[in-house]
Amino acid sequence: MKFFDECEAILKDRDGNYHDPTEMFERMAKGFEAVTGFPFTREQVPLIFVVMKAVREGVSHKHDNLIDG
């Protein structure tokens, strides 16, 4: 499967499981804010996951890190 096809399949699967990402990111931002005491926006949430995937990839290669990070 080609890279973009794989990315599209993951996005469709996640949308079916978790629904609207904007709503989910809004909820996650509120959760991060509650835990840390610092303001978070829904736009910052995916950046946190990109950093997490980059750190994981730096420790140990996994195909998943490259596709959904």
C-alpha atoms as a PDB file:
ATOM      1  CA  MET A   1       0.000   0.000   0.000  1.00  0.00           C
ATOM      2  CA  LYS A   2       1.344   3.418  -0.891  1.00  0.00           C
ATOM      3  CA  PHE A   3       2.070   5.969   1.822  1.00  0.00           C
ATOM      4  CA  PHE A   4      -0.862   8.315   1.152  1.00  0.00           C
ATOM      5  CA  ASP A   5      -3.279   5.419   0.670  1.00  0.00           C
ATOM      6  CA  GLU A   6      -2.225   4.079   4.051  1.00  0.00           C
ATOM      7  CA  CYS A   7      -2.651   7.511   5.656  1.00  0.00           C
ATOM      8  CA  GLU A   8      -6.112   7.851   4.128  1.00  0.00           C
ATOM      9  CA  ALA A   9      -7.144   4.435   5.406  1.00  0.00           C
ATOM     10  CA  ILE A  10      -6.030   5.329   8.929  1.00  0.00           C
ATOM     11  CA  LEU A  11      -7.917   8.630   8.842  1.00  0.00           C
ATOM     12  CA  LYS A  12     -11.115   6.933   7.652  1.00  0.00           C
ATOM     13  CA  ASP A  13     -10.803   4.281  10.338  1.00  0.00           C
ATOM     14  CA  ARG A  14     -10.215   6.829  13.075  1.00  0.00           C
ATOM     15  CA  ASP A  15     -13.073   9.015  11.876  1.00  0.00           C
ATOM     16  CA  GLY A  16     -15.382   6.010  12.057  1.00  0.00           C
ATOM     17  CA  ASN A  17     -14.233   5.189  15.589  1.00  0.00           C
ATOM     18  CA  TYR A  18     -13.802   8.639  17.108  1.00  0.00           C
ATOM     19  CA  HIS A  19     -15.990  10.862  14.908  1.00  0.00           C
ATOM     20  CA  ASP A  20     -15.134  14.510  14.294  1.00  0.00           C
ATOM     21  CA  PRO A  21     -11.442  15.171  15.067  1.00  0.00           C
ATOM     22  CA  THR A  22     -12.146  18.842  15.793  1.00  0.00           C
ATOM     23  CA  GLU A  23     -14.472  17.878  18.633  1.00  0.00           C
ATOM     24  CA  MET A  24     -12.022  15.289  19.949  1.00  0.00           C
ATOM     25  CA  PHE A  25      -9.113  17.744  19.850  1.00  0.00           C
ATOM     26  CA  GLU A  26     -11.236  20.307  21.710  1.00  0.00           C
ATOM     27  CA  ARG A  27     -11.969  17.763  24.444  1.00  0.00           C
ATOM     28  CA  MET A  28      -8.332  16.719  24.619  1.00  0.00           C
ATOM     29  CA  ALA A  29      -7.187  20.339  24.873  1.00  0.00           C
ATOM     30  CA  LYS A  30      -9.484  20.824  27.859  1.00  0.00           C
ATOM     31  CA  GLY A  31      -8.079  17.664  29.425  1.00  0.00           C
ATOM     32  CA  PHE A  32      -4.462  18.762  28.894  1.00  0.00           C
ATOM     33  CA  GLU A  33      -5.343  22.137  30.372  1.00  0.00           C
ATOM     34  CA  ALA A  34      -6.939  20.519  33.424  1.00  0.00           C
ATOM     35  CA  VAL A  35      -3.876  18.340  34.013  1.00  0.00           C
ATOM     36  CA  THR A  36      -1.170  20.925  33.376  1.00  0.00           C
ATOM     37  CA  GLY A  37      -2.835  24.189  34.364  1.00  0.00           C
ATOM     38  CA  PHE A  38      -1.661  25.701  31.069  1.00  0.00           C
ATOM     39  CA  PRO A  39      -4.013  26.748  28.271  1.00  0.00           C
ATOM     40  CA  PHE A  40      -4.179  24.450  25.248  1.00  0.00           C
ATOM     41  CA  THR A  41      -6.004  24.902  21.965  1.00  0.00           C
ATOM     42  CA  ARG A  42      -7.436  22.183  19.774  1.00  0.00           C
ATOM     43  CA  GLU A  43      -4.879  23.186  17.132  1.00  0.00           C
ATOM     44  CA  GLN A  44      -2.027  22.300  19.512  1.00  0.00           C
ATOM     45  CA  VAL A  45      -3.279  18.798  20.273  1.00  0.00           C
ATOM     46  CA  PRO A  46      -2.100  17.118  17.041  1.00  0.00           C
ATOM     47  CA  LEU A  47       1.297  18.791  17.453  1.00  0.00           C
ATOM     48  CA  ILE A  48       1.702  17.025  20.791  1.00  0.00           C
ATOM     49  CA  PHE A  49       1.116  13.701  19.064  1.00  0.00           C
ATOM     50  CA  VAL A  50       3.570  14.542  16.278  1.00  0.00           C
ATOM     51  CA  VAL A  51       6.227  15.201  18.916  1.00  0.00           C
ATOM     52  CA  MET A  52       5.349  11.967  20.705  1.00  0.00           C
ATOM     53  CA  LYS A  53       5.657   9.948  17.486  1.00  0.00           C
ATOM     54  CA  ALA A  54       8.960  11.663  16.580  1.00  0.00           C
ATOM     55  CA  VAL A  55      10.391  10.833  20.002  1.00  0.00           C
ATOM     56  CA  ARG A  56       9.231   7.222  19.722  1.00  0.00           C
ATOM     57  CA  GLU A  57      10.764   6.945  16.256  1.00  0.00           C
ATOM     58  CA  GLY A  58      14.027   8.345  17.618  1.00  0.00           C
ATOM     59  CA  VAL A  59      14.100   5.592  20.221  1.00  0.00           C
ATOM     60  CA  SER A  60      12.935   2.702  18.070  1.00  0.00           C
ATOM     61  CA  HIS A  61      11.729   2.534  14.471  1.00  0.00           C
ATOM     62  CA  LYS A  62       8.148   1.477  13.952  1.00  0.00           C
ATOM     63  CA  HIS A  63       6.289   1.916  10.664  1.00  0.00           C
ATOM     64  CA  ASP A  64       3.256   3.276  12.521  1.00  0.00           C
ATOM     65  CA  ASN A  65       5.319   6.244  13.767  1.00  0.00           C
ATOM     66  CA  LEU A  66       5.884   7.377  10.201  1.00  0.00           C
ATOM     67  CA  ILE A  67       2.323   6.933   9.003  1.00  0.00           C
ATOM     68  CA  ASP A  68       0.093   8.497  11.642  1.00  0.00           C
ATOM     69  CA  GLY A  69       2.593  10.856  13.236  1.00  0.00           C
END
